[in-house]
Protein backbone atom coordinates (compact mmCIF):
# COMPACT_ATOMS: atom_id res chain seq x y z
CA UNK A 1 -22.45 1.86 -23.26
CA UNK A 2 -23.76 -1.65 -23.76
CA UNK A 3 -23.35 -4.36 -21.16
CA UNK A 4 -21.09 -6.37 -23.52
CA UNK A 5 -18.76 -3.38 -23.99
CA UNK A 6 -18.64 -2.65 -20.28
CA UNK A 7 -17.77 -6.28 -19.55
CA UNK A 8 -14.91 -6.22 -22.04
CA UNK A 9 -13.57 -3.04 -20.45
CA UNK A 10 -13.72 -4.68 -16.97
CA UNK A 11 -11.88 -7.74 -18.28
CA UNK A 12 -9.13 -5.60 -19.79
CA UNK A 13 -8.79 -3.57 -16.59
CA UNK A 14 -8.39 -6.79 -14.50
CA UNK A 15 -5.87 -8.10 -16.99
CA UNK A 16 -3.72 -4.96 -16.77
CA UNK A 17 -3.78 -5.18 -12.98
CA UNK A 18 -3.54 -8.90 -12.35
CA UNK A 19 -2.18 -10.23 -15.59
CA UNK A 20 -3.69 -12.72 -17.88
CA UNK A 21 -5.10 -16.03 -16.52
CA UNK A 22 -2.10 -17.88 -18.12
CA UNK A 23 0.33 -15.58 -16.26
CA UNK A 24 -1.59 -16.12 -13.08
CA UNK A 25 -0.76 -19.93 -13.12
CA UNK A 26 2.95 -19.06 -13.23
CA UNK A 27 2.55 -16.90 -10.08
CA UNK A 28 1.01 -19.67 -8.07
CA UNK A 29 4.32 -21.25 -6.91
CA UNK A 30 5.52 -17.83 -5.68
CA UNK A 31 2.24 -17.09 -3.91
CA UNK A 32 2.14 -20.44 -2.06
CA UNK A 33 5.86 -20.01 -1.02
CA UNK A 34 5.14 -16.57 0.42
CA UNK A 35 1.99 -17.90 2.08
CA UNK A 36 4.07 -20.55 3.91
CA UNK A 37 6.68 -17.98 4.90
CA UNK A 38 4.15 -15.46 6.26
CA UNK A 39 2.12 -18.21 7.98
CA UNK A 40 4.49 -20.95 9.23
CA UNK A 41 2.68 -24.29 9.51
CA UNK A 42 0.55 -23.65 6.46
CA UNK A 43 0.39 -26.62 4.01
CA UNK A 44 0.35 -25.97 0.28
CA UNK A 45 0.85 -28.20 -2.65
CA UNK A 46 0.80 -27.99 -6.47
CA UNK A 47 0.63 -30.92 -8.89
CA UNK A 48 1.36 -30.58 -12.54
CA UNK A 49 1.27 -33.03 -15.46
CA UNK A 50 3.39 -32.47 -18.56
CA UNK A 51 4.26 -29.08 -17.10
CA UNK A 52 0.64 -28.13 -16.98
CA UNK A 53 -1.43 -27.29 -13.89
CA UNK A 54 -3.52 -30.18 -12.52
CA UNK A 55 -4.16 -29.74 -8.82
CA UNK A 56 -3.45 -27.40 -5.99
CA UNK A 57 -4.16 -27.55 -2.20
CA UNK A 58 -3.81 -25.22 0.75
CA UNK A 59 -4.77 -25.21 4.42
CA UNK A 60 -3.82 -22.28 6.55
CA UNK A 61 -1.95 -22.85 9.85
CA UNK A 62 -4.63 -20.91 11.79
CA UNK A 63 -7.35 -23.23 10.37
CA UNK A 64 -5.31 -26.31 11.23
CA UNK A 65 -4.77 -25.18 14.83
CA UNK A 66 -8.43 -24.18 15.23
CA UNK A 67 -9.67 -27.60 14.08
CA UNK A 68 -7.99 -29.31 16.98
CA UNK A 69 -10.67 -27.95 19.22
CA UNK A 70 -13.56 -28.96 16.97
CA UNK A 71 -16.04 -31.82 17.23
CA UNK A 72 -14.76 -34.39 14.76
CA UNK A 73 -17.27 -33.69 11.98
CA UNK A 74 -16.15 -32.40 8.54
CA UNK A 75 -18.40 -31.48 5.64
CA UNK A 76 -16.89 -31.88 2.19
CA UNK A 77 -18.26 -30.74 -1.20
CA UNK A 78 -17.26 -29.44 -4.56
CA UNK A 79 -18.46 -26.96 -7.15
CA UNK A 80 -17.31 -25.95 -10.63
CA UNK A 81 -15.41 -22.64 -11.24
CA UNK A 82 -16.38 -19.95 -13.69
CA UNK A 83 -12.86 -19.42 -14.90
CA UNK A 84 -11.41 -19.39 -18.47
CA UNK A 85 -9.85 -22.82 -17.95
CA UNK A 86 -12.58 -24.26 -15.80
CA UNK A 87 -11.77 -26.51 -12.88
CA UNK A 88 -13.54 -27.52 -9.60
CA UNK A 89 -13.19 -26.16 -6.11
CA UNK A 90 -13.16 -28.72 -3.32
CA UNK A 91 -13.61 -27.61 0.27
CA UNK A 92 -13.65 -29.11 3.75
CA UNK A 93 -15.49 -27.15 6.45
CA UNK A 94 -16.44 -27.71 10.06
CA UNK A 95 -18.70 -25.99 12.69
CA UNK A 96 -17.06 -23.99 15.57
CA UNK A 97 -18.20 -23.91 19.21
CA UNK A 98 -20.87 -21.33 18.27
CA UNK A 99 -22.17 -23.54 15.35
CA UNK A 100 -20.64 -21.22 12.73
CA UNK A 101 -19.00 -22.31 9.47
CA UNK A 102 -15.19 -22.72 9.63
CA UNK A 103 -13.00 -23.50 6.57
CA UNK A 104 -10.40 -26.26 7.08
CA UNK A 105 -8.90 -26.82 3.64
CA UNK A 106 -9.33 -25.99 -0.03
CA UNK A 107 -8.23 -27.49 -3.35
CA UNK A 108 -8.65 -26.66 -7.01
CA UNK A 109 -8.77 -29.70 -9.24
CA UNK A 110 -9.59 -30.47 -12.86
CA UNK A 111 -12.95 -32.16 -12.07
CA UNK A 112 -14.70 -34.34 -9.47
CA UNK A 113 -13.29 -37.78 -10.07
CA UNK A 114 -11.70 -40.59 -8.13
CA UNK A 115 -8.13 -39.26 -8.44
CA UNK A 116 -8.98 -35.63 -7.51
CA UNK A 117 -11.02 -36.61 -4.44
CA UNK A 118 -8.31 -39.03 -3.24
CA UNK A 119 -5.67 -36.28 -3.69
CA UNK A 120 -7.79 -33.79 -1.70
CA UNK A 121 -8.46 -36.23 1.15
CA UNK A 122 -4.85 -37.34 1.38
CA UNK A 123 -3.70 -33.77 1.75
CA UNK A 124 -6.53 -33.05 4.20
CA UNK A 125 -5.34 -36.01 6.25
CA UNK A 126 -1.88 -34.46 6.22
CA UNK A 127 -3.32 -31.16 7.47
CA UNK A 128 -5.56 -32.49 10.33
CA UNK A 129 -3.59 -35.59 11.31
CA UNK A 130 -5.17 -38.63 12.93
CA UNK A 131 -8.56 -37.73 14.43
CA UNK A 132 -10.54 -40.18 16.55
CA UNK A 133 -14.17 -40.82 15.80
CA UNK A 134 -13.93 -38.73 12.65
CA UNK A 135 -17.14 -38.31 10.62
CA UNK A 136 -17.50 -37.00 7.03
CA UNK A 137 -20.75 -35.50 5.69
CA UNK A 138 -21.32 -35.06 2.00
CA UNK A 139 -23.87 -35.68 -0.72
CA UNK A 140 -24.42 -39.32 -1.83
CA UNK A 141 -21.91 -39.09 -4.62
CA UNK A 142 -20.26 -42.52 -4.92
CA UNK A 143 -16.88 -41.11 -5.83
CA UNK A 144 -16.69 -39.23 -2.49
CA UNK A 145 -17.78 -42.30 -0.56
CA UNK A 146 -15.17 -44.43 -2.26
CA UNK A 147 -12.41 -41.90 -1.66
CA UNK A 148 -13.31 -41.59 2.07
CA UNK A 149 -13.22 -45.36 2.45
CA UNK A 150 -9.71 -45.48 0.88
CA UNK A 151 -8.04 -42.52 2.61
CA UNK A 152 -9.97 -42.57 5.93
CA UNK A 153 -10.96 -46.27 6.41
CA UNK A 154 -11.61 -45.77 10.15
CA UNK A 155 -13.90 -42.74 9.64
CA UNK A 156 -17.62 -42.71 9.35
CA UNK A 157 -19.24 -41.34 6.20
CA UNK A 158 -22.82 -40.04 6.30
CA UNK A 159 -25.08 -38.37 3.78
CA UNK A 160 -26.09 -34.75 4.08
CA UNK A 161 -29.61 -34.25 5.42
CA UNK A 162 -30.17 -31.33 3.07
CA UNK A 163 -29.39 -33.37 -0.03
CA UNK A 164 -31.53 -36.32 1.19
CA UNK A 165 -34.44 -33.91 1.71
CA UNK A 166 -34.10 -32.46 -1.76
CA UNK A 167 -34.02 -35.86 -3.35
CA UNK A 168 -37.10 -37.04 -1.46
CA UNK A 169 -39.04 -33.93 -2.35
CA UNK A 170 -38.04 -34.28 -5.98
CA UNK A 171 -39.13 -37.94 -6.14
CA UNK A 172 -42.30 -37.87 -4.03
CA UNK A 173 -43.30 -34.18 -4.54
CA UNK A 174 -43.69 -33.77 -0.75
CA UNK A 175 -41.34 -32.83 2.02
CA UNK A 176 -41.71 -35.94 4.09
CA UNK A 177 -38.55 -35.29 6.02
CA UNK A 178 -40.13 -32.36 7.77
CA UNK A 179 -43.20 -34.47 8.53
CA UNK A 180 -41.43 -36.46 11.23
CA UNK A 181 -40.50 -39.36 8.89
CA UNK A 182 -36.76 -39.97 9.75
CA UNK A 183 -34.36 -41.31 7.14
CA UNK A 184 -32.01 -43.25 9.38
CA UNK A 185 -29.06 -43.46 9.14
CA UNK A 186 -28.92 -40.38 6.89
CA UNK A 187 -30.57 -37.80 9.13
CA UNK A 188 -27.43 -35.89 10.06
CA UNK A 189 -26.46 -32.30 10.29
CA UNK A 190 -26.64 -30.53 6.96
CA UNK A 191 -23.73 -28.69 5.31
CA UNK A 192 -23.83 -24.98 4.38
CA UNK A 193 -21.20 -25.13 1.69
CA UNK A 194 -23.72 -24.52 -1.08
CA UNK A 195 -24.64 -21.01 0.04
CA UNK A 196 -20.89 -20.02 0.15
CA UNK A 197 -20.09 -21.55 -3.20
CA UNK A 198 -22.28 -19.04 -4.98
CA UNK A 199 -20.14 -16.26 -3.55
CA UNK A 200 -16.87 -18.02 -4.50
CA UNK A 201 -17.98 -18.36 -8.08
CA UNK A 202 -18.13 -14.53 -8.55
CA UNK A 203 -14.46 -14.12 -7.89
CA UNK A 204 -11.65 -13.01 -10.12
CA UNK A 205 -10.98 -15.63 -12.85
CA UNK A 206 -7.16 -15.57 -12.44
CA UNK A 207 -6.13 -18.66 -10.49
CA UNK A 208 -3.60 -17.03 -8.20
CA UNK A 209 -5.95 -14.13 -7.37
CA UNK A 210 -8.73 -16.70 -6.91
CA UNK A 211 -6.70 -18.53 -4.29
CA UNK A 212 -5.86 -15.26 -2.52
CA UNK A 213 -9.52 -14.17 -2.47
CA UNK A 214 -10.72 -17.47 -1.05
CA UNK A 215 -8.03 -17.47 1.64
CA UNK A 216 -8.20 -13.85 2.59
CA UNK A 217 -10.47 -11.43 0.74
CA UNK A 218 -13.69 -13.02 -0.32
CA UNK A 219 -14.88 -15.78 2.02
CA UNK A 220 -17.80 -13.44 2.26
CA UNK A 221 -21.18 -13.50 3.98
CA UNK A 222 -23.62 -14.80 1.32
CA UNK A 223 -26.09 -11.96 1.81
CA UNK A 224 -23.48 -9.22 1.48
CA UNK A 225 -21.58 -10.01 -1.75
CA UNK A 226 -19.91 -6.57 -1.73
CA UNK A 227 -18.21 -6.99 1.63
CA UNK A 228 -14.46 -7.40 1.84
CA UNK A 229 -14.92 -9.88 4.70
CA UNK A 230 -11.46 -11.43 5.08
CA UNK A 231 -10.57 -14.53 7.00
CA UNK A 232 -8.21 -12.33 8.91
CA UNK A 233 -10.99 -10.12 10.09
CA UNK A 234 -13.20 -13.19 10.61
CA UNK A 235 -10.75 -14.62 13.15
CA UNK A 236 -10.37 -11.24 14.92
CA UNK A 237 -14.07 -10.45 15.15
CA UNK A 238 -15.06 -13.93 16.36
CA UNK A 239 -12.25 -13.90 18.96
CA UNK A 240 -13.58 -10.61 20.25
CA UNK A 241 -17.13 -12.03 20.49
CA UNK A 242 -15.84 -15.12 22.32
CA UNK A 243 -13.90 -12.94 24.74
CA UNK A 244 -16.93 -10.86 25.53
CA UNK A 245 -19.18 -13.89 26.01
CA UNK A 246 -20.31 -13.91 29.63
CA UNK A 247 -21.96 -17.39 29.67
CA UNK A 248 -20.25 -20.78 30.19
CA UNK A 249 -21.41 -21.88 26.76
CA UNK A 250 -21.06 -20.16 23.42
CA UNK A 251 -23.99 -17.87 22.48
CA UNK A 252 -25.84 -20.22 20.19
CA UNK A 253 -25.73 -23.22 22.52
CA UNK A 254 -26.43 -21.13 25.62
CA UNK A 255 -29.69 -19.95 24.01
CA UNK A 256 -30.49 -23.52 22.99
CA UNK A 257 -29.88 -24.82 26.48
CA UNK A 258 -32.27 -22.21 27.94
CA UNK A 259 -35.00 -23.31 25.57
CA UNK A 260 -34.45 -26.95 26.55
CA UNK A 261 -34.41 -26.05 30.21
CA UNK A 262 -37.83 -24.34 29.87
CA UNK A 263 -39.20 -27.43 28.17
CA UNK A 264 -37.76 -29.73 30.82
CA UNK A 265 -39.45 -27.81 33.67
CA UNK A 266 -42.81 -29.17 32.56
CA UNK A 267 -41.68 -32.81 32.25
CA UNK A 268 -41.68 -35.56 34.97
CA UNK A 269 -38.45 -37.24 35.74
CA UNK A 270 -38.39 -40.55 37.59
CA UNK A 271 -35.17 -42.08 38.88
CA UNK A 272 -34.64 -45.56 37.49
CA UNK A 273 -31.22 -46.46 38.84
CA UNK A 274 -27.81 -44.80 38.94
CA UNK A 275 -27.64 -42.11 36.27
CA UNK A 276 -30.69 -43.53 34.60
CA UNK A 277 -34.09 -41.73 34.41
CA UNK A 278 -37.50 -42.03 32.80
CA UNK A 279 -38.77 -38.76 31.32
CA UNK A 280 -42.53 -38.19 30.92
CA UNK A 281 -44.81 -35.33 29.93
CA UNK A 282 -46.71 -34.70 33.22
CA UNK A 283 -45.87 -31.43 34.99
CA UNK A 284 -43.63 -32.80 37.73
CA UNK A 285 -39.96 -32.01 38.04
CA UNK A 286 -37.20 -33.84 39.96
CA UNK A 287 -34.03 -32.07 41.02
CA UNK A 288 -30.72 -33.99 41.38
CA UNK A 289 -28.67 -30.92 42.43
CA UNK A 290 -26.45 -31.29 39.34
CA UNK A 291 -25.44 -28.29 37.23
CA UNK A 292 -26.59 -28.57 33.61
CA UNK A 293 -23.17 -27.27 32.40
CA UNK A 294 -21.45 -30.39 33.72
CA UNK A 295 -23.58 -32.37 31.28
CA UNK A 296 -22.59 -30.23 28.25
CA UNK A 297 -19.85 -31.16 25.84
CA UNK A 298 -16.60 -29.13 26.09
CA UNK A 299 -16.88 -28.55 22.27
CA UNK A 300 -19.47 -25.91 22.93
CA UNK A 301 -17.90 -23.89 25.81
CA UNK A 302 -16.77 -20.28 25.76
CA UNK A 303 -13.14 -21.42 26.35
CA UNK A 304 -13.19 -23.69 23.31
CA UNK A 305 -14.70 -20.92 21.22
CA UNK A 306 -11.80 -18.65 22.15
CA UNK A 307 -9.06 -21.28 21.56
CA UNK A 308 -10.40 -21.89 18.03
CA UNK A 309 -9.79 -18.34 16.90
CA UNK A 310 -6.75 -17.64 19.03
CA UNK A 311 -4.46 -17.53 15.90
CA UNK A 312 -3.16 -14.92 13.48
CA UNK A 313 -3.42 -14.98 9.68
CA UNK A 314 -0.84 -12.82 7.90
CA UNK A 315 -1.35 -11.44 4.41
CA UNK A 316 1.11 -12.28 1.61
CA UNK A 317 1.30 -8.65 0.44
CA UNK A 318 1.84 -7.26 -3.02
CA UNK A 319 3.85 -9.22 -5.62
CA UNK A 320 6.51 -6.55 -5.76
CA UNK A 321 7.36 -7.22 -2.11
CA UNK A 322 7.82 -10.94 -2.47
CA UNK A 323 11.31 -12.34 -1.79
CA UNK A 324 11.55 -15.58 -3.72
CA UNK A 325 14.46 -18.05 -4.03
CA UNK A 326 15.79 -18.71 -7.51
CA UNK A 327 14.37 -22.16 -7.79
CA UNK A 328 10.87 -20.76 -7.21
CA UNK A 329 11.40 -18.00 -9.68
CA UNK A 330 12.47 -20.36 -12.37
CA UNK A 331 9.47 -22.68 -12.08
CA UNK A 332 7.24 -22.47 -15.09
CA UNK A 333 3.78 -24.06 -15.16
CA UNK A 334 1.29 -23.95 -17.95
CA UNK A 335 -2.45 -23.64 -18.02
CA UNK A 336 -4.57 -26.79 -17.59
CA UNK A 337 -5.45 -28.91 -20.54
CA UNK A 338 -8.68 -27.63 -22.03
CA UNK A 339 -11.24 -30.41 -22.13
CA UNK A 340 -13.58 -30.96 -25.05
CA UNK A 341 -17.23 -30.57 -24.03
CA UNK A 342 -19.21 -33.76 -23.62
CA UNK A 343 -21.79 -34.73 -26.25
CA UNK A 344 -22.32 -33.64 -29.90
CA UNK A 345 -20.76 -30.40 -31.06
CA UNK A 346 -23.15 -27.49 -31.41
CA UNK A 347 -24.39 -26.60 -34.81
CA UNK A 348 -23.07 -23.39 -36.21
CA UNK A 349 -25.49 -20.47 -36.00
CA UNK A 350 -23.49 -18.32 -38.35
CA UNK A 351 -26.18 -18.18 -41.10
CA UNK A 352 -25.79 -15.78 -43.98
CA UNK A 353 -23.13 -13.14 -43.80
CA UNK A 354 -24.34 -9.69 -42.79
CA UNK A 355 -24.45 -7.20 -45.62
CA UNK A 356 -25.25 -4.22 -43.31
CA UNK A 357 -23.51 -3.02 -40.16
CA UNK A 358 -25.38 -3.58 -36.95
CA UNK A 359 -26.14 -0.30 -35.24
CA UNK A 360 -24.34 0.55 -32.04
CA UNK A 361 -26.16 0.72 -28.73
CA UNK A 362 -28.26 3.88 -28.49
CA UNK A 363 -27.86 4.68 -32.21
CA UNK A 364 -31.10 5.79 -33.94
CA UNK A 365 -31.51 4.19 -37.37
CA UNK A 366 -33.88 5.93 -39.87
CA UNK A 367 -35.31 3.49 -42.37
CA UNK A 368 -36.00 4.95 -45.84
CA UNK A 369 -39.68 5.41 -46.74
CA UNK A 370 -41.32 3.21 -49.44
CA UNK A 371 -44.61 3.83 -51.23
CA UNK A 372 -47.19 1.05 -50.79
CA UNK A 373 -48.58 1.71 -54.34
CA UNK A 374 -45.58 1.93 -56.63
CA UNK A 375 -42.99 0.64 -54.04
CA UNK A 376 -40.80 3.62 -54.85
CA UNK A 377 -38.63 5.38 -52.35
CA UNK A 378 -38.52 8.90 -50.92
CA UNK A 379 -42.36 9.25 -50.88
CA UNK A 380 -45.48 7.61 -49.46
CA UNK A 381 -49.03 6.69 -50.69
CA UNK A 382 -50.44 10.13 -50.12
CA UNK A 383 -47.79 11.92 -52.27
CA UNK A 384 -47.50 9.14 -54.93
CA UNK A 385 -47.84 10.57 -58.50
CA UNK A 386 -48.12 7.11 -60.08
CA UNK A 387 -51.91 6.96 -59.62
CA UNK A 388 -52.60 10.34 -61.33
């Protein structure tokens, strides 16, 4: 069986199980309703224009509760979707007490533009509330910067170190960022959204199933694309690790503290006033009888790590089990407006019409023999009678 035929069979099997992409948009209202019923406190929203899908947003209650214990730093980014009707996935993520990626909110919009980013950030503000000293990290896209200034005027917006490094390497053909040349004020923590986006693009093209997979079934580890690593299992497994943690700090920062402590043992420390010291490089240490853990931020402690994942995510279940009110059942929403591609239309590659059928995959085609002398058929040069 050819790859093309196998792909068509897969698409038909998915359609029989999940419905067509157009039918999936009509299920979105019901799915979001059940998501809120199963997980009280979850925020969802759908925006339509002329009865056609335009935007949708969702933030799980467990993610909203967990973010209250985070350092106020959010990374935001977007990527295109490989669905029949296109679209763009916007995501806001943060880092937990063990420096691991944590999803805060998602949105599916038509494209990355001023209106879509403002919509996403307004709904994000509704989900996380007012946060002091909030910082956003993204690439240097002017649309994102403008949207942050409008929706979060008090927040600080910084460029992603990863994108800055890539731009510098591309322009100067050398990685000067790793050669101790700092790019202030853009040398901030880098986002890991890109490595997860590649996993998200491989999902089911049906919009309702896509939302379900992001929220529950396929926020997968990037190196294990076959895993069914759900957010539900994610919360449970990380809560178990936090509960078994025997150190005051989370595992990652505990190890980092040990490395810094070893380095500090070989540095001189001279007191220069109350709580003010001069640090040198000569092998002389000064003890102030102060525990290093009292100098660590509470964002990185074991207790904070446990509080972040001390929540439950409930699955929506099969569609046959949904109990929907009549006004939700009667809502009808169409597919998004298909946009014309930018630029000149492609030239047709149709060419001349085929006069012979193309052979199927694996079929052996025997070409008729032709004589090189008389150009006749059914014989060759050795048996040709025309030269006699």
